[in-house]
Amino acid sequence: MKAAAFSGEHRHGTEEQGRTSRGNVDSKQNLKRQHESVTYLYIDKMNNAGAAVKENLSVATSAGMFSGMPARPYHHGTLRVALLEAAELILERDGLDQLSLRAISRAAGVSHAAPTHHFGDLRGLLTALAVIGFRRFALSLEEAAAAPKDPLRELGRSYVRFARTQPGLFLLMFHNKVLNGDDADFKLATAEAFAALSRVTAASLPGADGSTPCRGALASWCLVHGFCMLLLDGRLPPQPGTDALLEEVLA
């Protein structure tokens, strides 16, 4: 009887130990799975952060946007910039007639509805792009105005240089039919560009006084802008060449 009782107690103890051991194993496995889960979540977050950094760099450099590479998702904070960069590249490559929200979305690798969240419609996007153009334009004119020798002539060269190097953007900036002229940023950007013309004209034209800078700037603007439009339209004579003809116009 004692032997049987001992045998039963021994079996009971062994089973209890087995359950405890399995419980410990299960507990360790659960802890391991939890640890792995947390680790994967952390890695995923780090990968996402790394992707965001890479995205910011790719947007800043516009590398490979039109090289046939597969579209990549844009971080929300850079989507507006990406759309504007895509629009400018299409504008310079294919012209204004080929610029649409669908084409811009496809080039940026986002949904067709994405541009409407930032710009409302195509007119809003084109206006924002024109604002960027006028701000660049104003900076180039300000640099020319700082020239130590003959700033008025250098201003004219800078004006034409901008049109020659960024013809699509230049034409868009003065294409009022596709732009929102009431946009506050657009008004400010155009005013800043014309202000640079006015300042240099006021300092350079003989006999300029408080009443003449605006008229003088307007005359200079008409002269140089007309030259640019003829140049981009291919209407200038082949001789004596664009640069030589420009110098004659600016003399």
C-alpha atoms as a PDB file:
ATOM      1  CA  MET A   1       0.000   0.000   0.000  1.00  0.00           C
ATOM      2  CA  LYS A   2       2.772   2.397   0.902  1.00  0.00           C
ATOM      3  CA  ALA A   3       4.558   1.574  -2.339  1.00  0.00           C
ATOM      4  CA  ALA A   4       1.386   2.195  -4.324  1.00  0.00           C
ATOM      5  CA  ALA A   5       0.748   5.452  -2.507  1.00  0.00           C
ATOM      6  CA  PHE A   6       4.300   6.531  -3.088  1.00  0.00           C
ATOM      7  CA  SER A   7       4.001   5.594  -6.769  1.00  0.00           C
ATOM      8  CA  GLY A   8       0.803   7.658  -7.096  1.00  0.00           C
ATOM      9  CA  GLU A   9       2.328  10.649  -5.329  1.00  0.00           C
ATOM     10  CA  HIS A  10       5.400  10.333  -7.502  1.00  0.00           C
ATOM     11  CA  ARG A  11       3.319  10.317 -10.700  1.00  0.00           C
ATOM     12  CA  HIS A  12       1.290  13.272  -9.448  1.00  0.00           C
ATOM     13  CA  GLY A  13       4.471  15.152  -8.608  1.00  0.00           C
ATOM     14  CA  THR A  14       6.005  14.333 -11.968  1.00  0.00           C
ATOM     15  CA  GLU A  15       2.899  15.508 -13.830  1.00  0.00           C
ATOM     16  CA  GLU A  16       2.821  18.696 -11.752  1.00  0.00           C
ATOM     17  CA  GLN A  17       6.474  19.318 -12.509  1.00  0.00           C
ATOM     18  CA  GLY A  18       5.794  18.645 -16.201  1.00  0.00           C
ATOM     19  CA  ARG A  19       2.966  21.158 -16.256  1.00  0.00           C
ATOM     20  CA  THR A  20       5.139  23.693 -14.436  1.00  0.00           C
ATOM     21  CA  SER A  21       7.972  23.092 -16.860  1.00  0.00           C
ATOM     22  CA  ARG A  22       5.671  23.427 -19.879  1.00  0.00           C
ATOM     23  CA  GLY A  23       4.226  26.560 -18.311  1.00  0.00           C
ATOM     24  CA  ASN A  24       7.680  28.016 -17.959  1.00  0.00           C
ATOM     25  CA  VAL A  25       8.463  27.150 -21.569  1.00  0.00           C
ATOM     26  CA  ASP A  26       5.189  28.653 -22.763  1.00  0.00           C
ATOM     27  CA  SER A  27       5.850  31.754 -20.696  1.00  0.00           C
ATOM     28  CA  LYS A  28       9.336  32.112 -22.148  1.00  0.00           C
ATOM     29  CA  GLN A  29       7.979  31.626 -25.661  1.00  0.00           C
ATOM     30  CA  ASN A  30       5.327  34.258 -25.052  1.00  0.00           C
ATOM     31  CA  LEU A  31       7.955  36.664 -23.751  1.00  0.00           C
ATOM     32  CA  LYS A  32      10.113  35.909 -26.767  1.00  0.00           C
ATOM     33  CA  ARG A  33       7.230  36.553 -29.154  1.00  0.00           C
ATOM     34  CA  GLN A  34       6.404  39.799 -27.357  1.00  0.00           C
ATOM     35  CA  HIS A  35      10.041  40.847 -27.510  1.00  0.00           C
ATOM     36  CA  GLU A  36      10.193  40.029 -31.223  1.00  0.00           C
ATOM     37  CA  SER A  37       6.974  41.926 -31.800  1.00  0.00           C
ATOM     38  CA  VAL A  38       8.321  45.023 -30.057  1.00  0.00           C
ATOM     39  CA  THR A  39      11.616  44.653 -31.910  1.00  0.00           C
ATOM     40  CA  TYR A  40       9.894  44.465 -35.296  1.00  0.00           C
ATOM     41  CA  LEU A  41       7.760  47.475 -34.465  1.00  0.00           C
ATOM     42  CA  TYR A  42      10.899  49.408 -33.534  1.00  0.00           C
ATOM     43  CA  ILE A  43      12.680  48.318 -36.700  1.00  0.00           C
ATOM     44  CA  ASP A  44       9.630  49.230 -38.744  1.00  0.00           C
ATOM     45  CA  LYS A  45       9.553  52.701 -37.193  1.00  0.00           C
ATOM     46  CA  MET A  46      13.251  53.147 -37.852  1.00  0.00           C
ATOM     47  CA  ASN A  47      12.792  52.041 -41.449  1.00  0.00           C
ATOM     48  CA  ASN A  48       9.956  54.483 -41.848  1.00  0.00           C
ATOM     49  CA  ALA A  49      12.106  57.259 -40.418  1.00  0.00           C
ATOM     50  CA  GLY A  50      14.906  56.321 -42.771  1.00  0.00           C
ATOM     51  CA  ALA A  51      12.500  56.319 -45.689  1.00  0.00           C
ATOM     52  CA  ALA A  52      11.333  59.803 -44.746  1.00  0.00           C
ATOM     53  CA  VAL A  53      14.906  61.065 -44.674  1.00  0.00           C
ATOM     54  CA  LYS A  54      15.634  59.490 -48.035  1.00  0.00           C
ATOM     55  CA  GLU A  55      12.441  60.991 -49.397  1.00  0.00           C
ATOM     56  CA  ASN A  56      13.441  64.474 -48.264  1.00  0.00           C
ATOM     57  CA  LEU A  57      16.800  64.074 -49.953  1.00  0.00           C
ATOM     58  CA  SER A  58      15.266  62.757 -53.157  1.00  0.00           C
ATOM     59  CA  VAL A  59      12.789  65.612 -53.300  1.00  0.00           C
ATOM     60  CA  ALA A  60      15.531  68.172 -52.706  1.00  0.00           C
ATOM     61  CA  THR A  61      17.625  66.824 -55.577  1.00  0.00           C
ATOM     62  CA  SER A  62      14.829  65.597 -57.864  1.00  0.00           C
ATOM     63  CA  ALA A  63      17.088  62.687 -58.716  1.00  0.00           C
ATOM     64  CA  GLY A  64      15.625  60.177 -61.138  1.00  0.00           C
ATOM     65  CA  MET A  65      12.111  61.576 -61.099  1.00  0.00           C
ATOM     66  CA  PHE A  66      11.743  61.130 -64.842  1.00  0.00           C
ATOM     67  CA  SER A  67      14.330  58.435 -65.487  1.00  0.00           C
ATOM     68  CA  GLY A  68      11.830  55.582 -65.725  1.00  0.00           C
ATOM     69  CA  MET A  69      12.307  54.544 -62.125  1.00  0.00           C
ATOM     70  CA  PRO A  70       9.223  53.172 -60.326  1.00  0.00           C
ATOM     71  CA  ALA A  71       7.203  55.747 -58.415  1.00  0.00           C
ATOM     72  CA  ARG A  72       7.960  56.094 -54.715  1.00  0.00           C
ATOM     73  CA  PRO A  73       5.567  57.364 -52.052  1.00  0.00           C
ATOM     74  CA  TYR A  74       6.192  60.881 -50.790  1.00  0.00           C
ATOM     75  CA  HIS A  75       6.238  61.905 -47.181  1.00  0.00           C
ATOM     76  CA  HIS A  76       3.279  64.179 -46.501  1.00  0.00           C
ATOM     77  CA  GLY A  77       5.458  67.135 -45.622  1.00  0.00           C
ATOM     78  CA  THR A  78       7.258  67.043 -48.984  1.00  0.00           C
ATOM     79  CA  LEU A  79       4.314  66.258 -51.251  1.00  0.00           C
ATOM     80  CA  ARG A  80       3.656  69.895 -52.170  1.00  0.00           C
ATOM     81  CA  VAL A  81       7.294  70.409 -53.111  1.00  0.00           C
ATOM     82  CA  ALA A  82       7.343  67.156 -55.089  1.00  0.00           C
ATOM     83  CA  LEU A  83       4.258  68.153 -57.071  1.00  0.00           C
ATOM     84  CA  LEU A  84       5.714  71.555 -57.929  1.00  0.00           C
ATOM     85  CA  GLU A  85       9.018  70.020 -58.987  1.00  0.00           C
ATOM     86  CA  ALA A  86       7.213  67.488 -61.158  1.00  0.00           C
ATOM     87  CA  ALA A  87       5.138  70.265 -62.706  1.00  0.00           C
ATOM     88  CA  GLU A  88       8.222  72.335 -63.509  1.00  0.00           C
ATOM     89  CA  LEU A  89      10.037  69.426 -65.101  1.00  0.00           C
ATOM     90  CA  ILE A  90       7.032  68.611 -67.296  1.00  0.00           C
ATOM     91  CA  LEU A  91       6.679  72.293 -68.162  1.00  0.00           C
ATOM     92  CA  GLU A  92      10.279  72.604 -69.334  1.00  0.00           C
ATOM     93  CA  ARG A  93      10.308  69.222 -71.051  1.00  0.00           C
ATOM     94  CA  ASP A  94       6.902  69.086 -72.749  1.00  0.00           C
ATOM     95  CA  GLY A  95       5.452  72.587 -72.554  1.00  0.00           C
ATOM     96  CA  LEU A  96       2.440  74.130 -70.873  1.00  0.00           C
ATOM     97  CA  ASP A  97      -0.048  72.315 -73.128  1.00  0.00           C
ATOM     98  CA  GLN A  98       1.015  68.965 -71.667  1.00  0.00           C
ATOM     99  CA  LEU A  99       0.730  70.079 -68.061  1.00  0.00           C
ATOM    100  CA  SER A 100      -2.262  68.565 -66.240  1.00  0.00           C
ATOM    101  CA  LEU A 101      -2.999  67.408 -62.697  1.00  0.00           C
ATOM    102  CA  ARG A 102      -3.062  63.816 -63.926  1.00  0.00           C
ATOM    103  CA  ALA A 103       0.346  64.125 -65.600  1.00  0.00           C
ATOM    104  CA  ILE A 104       1.827  65.837 -62.552  1.00  0.00           C
ATOM    105  CA  SER A 105       0.434  63.195 -60.186  1.00  0.00           C
ATOM    106  CA  ARG A 106       1.748  60.392 -62.354  1.00  0.00           C
ATOM    107  CA  ALA A 107       5.214  61.962 -62.526  1.00  0.00           C
ATOM    108  CA  ALA A 108       5.298  62.462 -58.737  1.00  0.00           C
ATOM    109  CA  GLY A 109       4.065  58.918 -58.078  1.00  0.00           C
ATOM    110  CA  VAL A 110       0.947  59.917 -56.132  1.00  0.00           C
ATOM    111  CA  SER A 111      -2.805  59.561 -56.569  1.00  0.00           C
ATOM    112  CA  HIS A 112      -4.579  61.777 -59.079  1.00  0.00           C
ATOM    113  CA  ALA A 113      -6.478  63.459 -56.253  1.00  0.00           C
ATOM    114  CA  ALA A 114      -3.332  64.454 -54.330  1.00  0.00           C
ATOM    115  CA  PRO A 115      -2.745  67.862 -56.007  1.00  0.00           C
ATOM    116  CA  THR A 116      -6.263  69.066 -55.185  1.00  0.00           C
ATOM    117  CA  HIS A 117      -5.519  68.779 -51.466  1.00  0.00           C
ATOM    118  CA  HIS A 118      -2.683  71.304 -51.797  1.00  0.00           C
ATOM    119  CA  PHE A 119      -3.675  73.546 -54.715  1.00  0.00           C
ATOM    120  CA  GLY A 120      -7.395  73.079 -55.335  1.00  0.00           C
ATOM    121  CA  ASP A 121      -7.104  72.889 -59.118  1.00  0.00           C
ATOM    122  CA  LEU A 122      -4.620  73.239 -61.966  1.00  0.00           C
ATOM    123  CA  ARG A 123      -4.848  77.037 -61.885  1.00  0.00           C
ATOM    124  CA  GLY A 124      -3.862  77.010 -58.226  1.00  0.00           C
ATOM    125  CA  LEU A 125      -0.877  74.777 -58.899  1.00  0.00           C
ATOM    126  CA  LEU A 126       0.287  76.850 -61.873  1.00  0.00           C
ATOM    127  CA  THR A 127      -0.045  80.019 -59.812  1.00  0.00           C
ATOM    128  CA  ALA A 128       2.089  78.523 -57.040  1.00  0.00           C
ATOM    129  CA  LEU A 129       4.687  77.536 -59.634  1.00  0.00           C
ATOM    130  CA  ALA A 130       4.646  81.045 -61.113  1.00  0.00           C
ATOM    131  CA  VAL A 131       5.216  82.459 -57.628  1.00  0.00           C
ATOM    132  CA  ILE A 132       8.350  80.329 -57.338  1.00  0.00           C
ATOM    133  CA  GLY A 133       9.426  81.594 -60.755  1.00  0.00           C
ATOM    134  CA  PHE A 134       8.989  85.263 -59.838  1.00  0.00           C
ATOM    135  CA  ARG A 135      10.897  84.775 -56.593  1.00  0.00           C
ATOM    136  CA  ARG A 136      13.824  83.239 -58.465  1.00  0.00           C
ATOM    137  CA  PHE A 137      13.520  85.985 -61.038  1.00  0.00           C
ATOM    138  CA  ALA A 138      13.648  88.696 -58.372  1.00  0.00           C
ATOM    139  CA  LEU A 139      16.748  87.138 -56.816  1.00  0.00           C
ATOM    140  CA  SER A 140      18.537  87.041 -60.161  1.00  0.00           C
ATOM    141  CA  LEU A 141      17.626  90.679 -60.804  1.00  0.00           C
ATOM    142  CA  GLU A 142      18.819  91.703 -57.341  1.00  0.00           C
ATOM    143  CA  GLU A 143      22.165  90.024 -57.985  1.00  0.00           C
ATOM    144  CA  ALA A 144      22.453  91.859 -61.287  1.00  0.00           C
ATOM    145  CA  ALA A 145      21.545  95.146 -59.602  1.00  0.00           C
ATOM    146  CA  ALA A 146      24.510  94.707 -57.276  1.00  0.00           C
ATOM    147  CA  ALA A 147      26.961  94.688 -60.176  1.00  0.00           C
ATOM    148  CA  PRO A 148      29.628  97.379 -59.608  1.00  0.00           C
ATOM    149  CA  LYS A 149      29.709  98.393 -63.277  1.00  0.00           C
ATOM    150  CA  ASP A 150      26.714  99.291 -65.437  1.00  0.00           C
ATOM    151  CA  PRO A 151      24.001  97.562 -63.353  1.00  0.00           C
ATOM    152  CA  LEU A 152      21.235  98.514 -65.793  1.00  0.00           C
ATOM    153  CA  ARG A 153      22.891  96.634 -68.645  1.00  0.00           C
ATOM    154  CA  GLU A 154      23.627  93.705 -66.325  1.00  0.00           C
ATOM    155  CA  LEU A 155      19.976  93.717 -65.304  1.00  0.00           C
ATOM    156  CA  GLY A 156      18.942  93.321 -68.942  1.00  0.00           C
ATOM    157  CA  ARG A 157      21.385  90.461 -69.423  1.00  0.00           C
ATOM    158  CA  SER A 158      20.056  88.738 -66.304  1.00  0.00           C
ATOM    159  CA  TYR A 159      16.476  89.136 -67.520  1.00  0.00           C
ATOM    160  CA  VAL A 160      17.247  87.502 -70.866  1.00  0.00           C
ATOM    161  CA  ARG A 161      19.403  84.828 -69.251  1.00  0.00           C
ATOM    162  CA  PHE A 162      16.504  83.762 -67.055  1.00  0.00           C
ATOM    163  CA  ALA A 163      14.209  83.468 -70.075  1.00  0.00           C
ATOM    164  CA  ARG A 164      16.769  81.438 -72.028  1.00  0.00           C
ATOM    165  CA  THR A 165      17.574  78.991 -69.238  1.00  0.00           C
ATOM    166  CA  GLN A 166      14.014  78.525 -67.946  1.00  0.00           C
ATOM    167  CA  PRO A 167      11.796  79.238 -70.957  1.00  0.00           C
ATOM    168  CA  GLY A 168       8.784  77.217 -69.847  1.00  0.00           C
ATOM    169  CA  LEU A 169       8.669  78.823 -66.426  1.00  0.00           C
ATOM    170  CA  PHE A 170       9.297  82.283 -67.888  1.00  0.00           C
ATOM    171  CA  LEU A 171       6.366  81.987 -70.296  1.00  0.00           C
ATOM    172  CA  LEU A 172       4.107  80.656 -67.548  1.00  0.00           C
ATOM    173  CA  MET A 173       4.913  83.588 -65.278  1.00  0.00           C
ATOM    174  CA  PHE A 174       3.433  86.018 -67.822  1.00  0.00           C
ATOM    175  CA  HIS A 175       0.559  83.820 -69.018  1.00  0.00           C
ATOM    176  CA  ASN A 176      -2.209  85.489 -67.038  1.00  0.00           C
ATOM    177  CA  LYS A 177      -5.024  83.409 -68.537  1.00  0.00           C
ATOM    178  CA  VAL A 178      -3.900  80.298 -66.644  1.00  0.00           C
ATOM    179  CA  LEU A 179      -2.940  82.066 -63.401  1.00  0.00           C
ATOM    180  CA  ASN A 180      -4.839  83.486 -60.448  1.00  0.00           C
ATOM    181  CA  GLY A 181      -3.831  87.126 -60.511  1.00  0.00           C
ATOM    182  CA  ASP A 182      -5.673  87.798 -57.241  1.00  0.00           C
ATOM    183  CA  ASP A 183      -3.512  85.378 -55.274  1.00  0.00           C
ATOM    184  CA  ALA A 184      -1.718  87.276 -52.481  1.00  0.00           C
ATOM    185  CA  ASP A 185       1.599  85.434 -52.910  1.00  0.00           C
ATOM    186  CA  PHE A 186       1.486  86.000 -56.653  1.00  0.00           C
ATOM    187  CA  LYS A 187       0.915  89.739 -56.218  1.00  0.00           C
ATOM    188  CA  LEU A 188       3.795  90.003 -53.759  1.00  0.00           C
ATOM    189  CA  ALA A 189       6.218  88.013 -55.915  1.00  0.00           C
ATOM    190  CA  THR A 190       5.503  90.077 -59.041  1.00  0.00           C
ATOM    191  CA  ALA A 191       5.818  93.318 -57.074  1.00  0.00           C
ATOM    192  CA  GLU A 192       9.224  92.268 -55.725  1.00  0.00           C
ATOM    193  CA  ALA A 193      10.509  91.517 -59.217  1.00  0.00           C
ATOM    194  CA  PHE A 194       9.323  94.836 -60.617  1.00  0.00           C
ATOM    195  CA  ALA A 195      10.751  96.639 -57.585  1.00  0.00           C
ATOM    196  CA  ALA A 196      14.232  95.450 -58.555  1.00  0.00           C
ATOM    197  CA  LEU A 197      13.750  96.881 -62.037  1.00  0.00           C
ATOM    198  CA  SER A 198      12.517 100.169 -60.607  1.00  0.00           C
ATOM    199  CA  ARG A 199      15.438 100.607 -58.203  1.00  0.00           C
ATOM    200  CA  VAL A 200      18.132 100.027 -60.791  1.00  0.00           C
ATOM    201  CA  THR A 201      16.362 102.183 -63.363  1.00  0.00           C
ATOM    202  CA  ALA A 202      15.982 105.042 -60.888  1.00  0.00           C
ATOM    203  CA  ALA A 203      19.691 104.953 -60.097  1.00  0.00           C
ATOM    204  CA  SER A 204      20.868 104.540 -63.691  1.00  0.00           C
ATOM    205  CA  LEU A 205      18.742 106.715 -65.948  1.00  0.00           C
ATOM    206  CA  PRO A 206      20.016 110.285 -66.425  1.00  0.00           C
ATOM    207  CA  GLY A 207      17.867 112.907 -64.775  1.00  0.00           C
ATOM    208  CA  ALA A 208      15.675 110.405 -62.920  1.00  0.00           C
ATOM    209  CA  ASP A 209      13.656 111.902 -60.115  1.00  0.00           C
ATOM    210  CA  GLY A 210      10.834 110.764 -57.887  1.00  0.00           C
ATOM    211  CA  SER A 211       8.308 110.773 -60.743  1.00  0.00           C
ATOM    212  CA  THR A 212      10.332 108.965 -63.407  1.00  0.00           C
ATOM    213  CA  PRO A 213      11.585 105.652 -61.974  1.00  0.00           C
ATOM    214  CA  CYS A 214       8.358 103.800 -62.595  1.00  0.00           C
ATOM    215  CA  ARG A 215       8.035 105.058 -66.195  1.00  0.00           C
ATOM    216  CA  GLY A 216      11.709 104.380 -66.854  1.00  0.00           C
ATOM    217  CA  ALA A 217      11.459 100.898 -65.430  1.00  0.00           C
ATOM    218  CA  LEU A 218       8.386 100.225 -67.527  1.00  0.00           C
ATOM    219  CA  ALA A 219      10.167 101.331 -70.691  1.00  0.00           C
ATOM    220  CA  SER A 220      13.194  99.165 -69.870  1.00  0.00           C
ATOM    221  CA  TRP A 221      10.923  96.246 -69.042  1.00  0.00           C
ATOM    222  CA  CYS A 222       9.056  96.524 -72.346  1.00  0.00           C
ATOM    223  CA  LEU A 223      12.316  96.630 -74.289  1.00  0.00           C
ATOM    224  CA  VAL A 224      13.937  93.617 -72.670  1.00  0.00           C
ATOM    225  CA  HIS A 225      10.748  91.572 -72.303  1.00  0.00           C
ATOM    226  CA  GLY A 226       9.940  92.073 -75.962  1.00  0.00           C
ATOM    227  CA  PHE A 227      13.417  90.839 -76.833  1.00  0.00           C
ATOM    228  CA  CYS A 228      12.821  87.703 -74.730  1.00  0.00           C
ATOM    229  CA  MET A 229       9.481  86.930 -76.372  1.00  0.00           C
ATOM    230  CA  LEU A 230      10.947  87.298 -79.856  1.00  0.00           C
ATOM    231  CA  LEU A 231      13.875  85.111 -78.834  1.00  0.00           C
ATOM    232  CA  LEU A 232      11.695  82.299 -77.426  1.00  0.00           C
ATOM    233  CA  ASP A 233       9.390  82.474 -80.432  1.00  0.00           C
ATOM    234  CA  GLY A 234      12.337  82.115 -82.814  1.00  0.00           C
ATOM    235  CA  ARG A 235      11.695  85.491 -84.442  1.00  0.00           C
ATOM    236  CA  LEU A 236      15.105  87.098 -83.982  1.00  0.00           C
ATOM    237  CA  PRO A 237      17.350  87.298 -87.048  1.00  0.00           C
ATOM    238  CA  PRO A 238      20.262  84.834 -87.149  1.00  0.00           C
ATOM    239  CA  GLN A 239      22.780  87.649 -87.542  1.00  0.00           C
ATOM    240  CA  PRO A 240      24.591  89.127 -85.708  1.00  0.00           C
ATOM    241  CA  GLY A 241      23.614  86.460 -83.115  1.00  0.00           C
ATOM    242  CA  THR A 242      21.536  86.625 -79.947  1.00  0.00           C
ATOM    243  CA  ASP A 243      24.250  87.904 -77.617  1.00  0.00           C
ATOM    244  CA  ALA A 244      25.528  90.553 -79.998  1.00  0.00           C
ATOM    245  CA  LEU A 245      21.994  91.707 -80.761  1.00  0.00           C
ATOM    246  CA  LEU A 246      21.178  91.908 -77.071  1.00  0.00           C
ATOM    247  CA  GLU A 247      24.194  94.138 -76.451  1.00  0.00           C
ATOM    248  CA  GLU A 248      22.993  96.438 -79.212  1.00  0.00           C
ATOM    249  CA  VAL A 249      19.539  96.590 -77.645  1.00  0.00           C
ATOM    250  CA  LEU A 250      20.997  97.354 -74.216  1.00  0.00           C
ATOM    251  CA  ALA A 251      23.419 100.015 -75.492  1.00  0.00           C
END
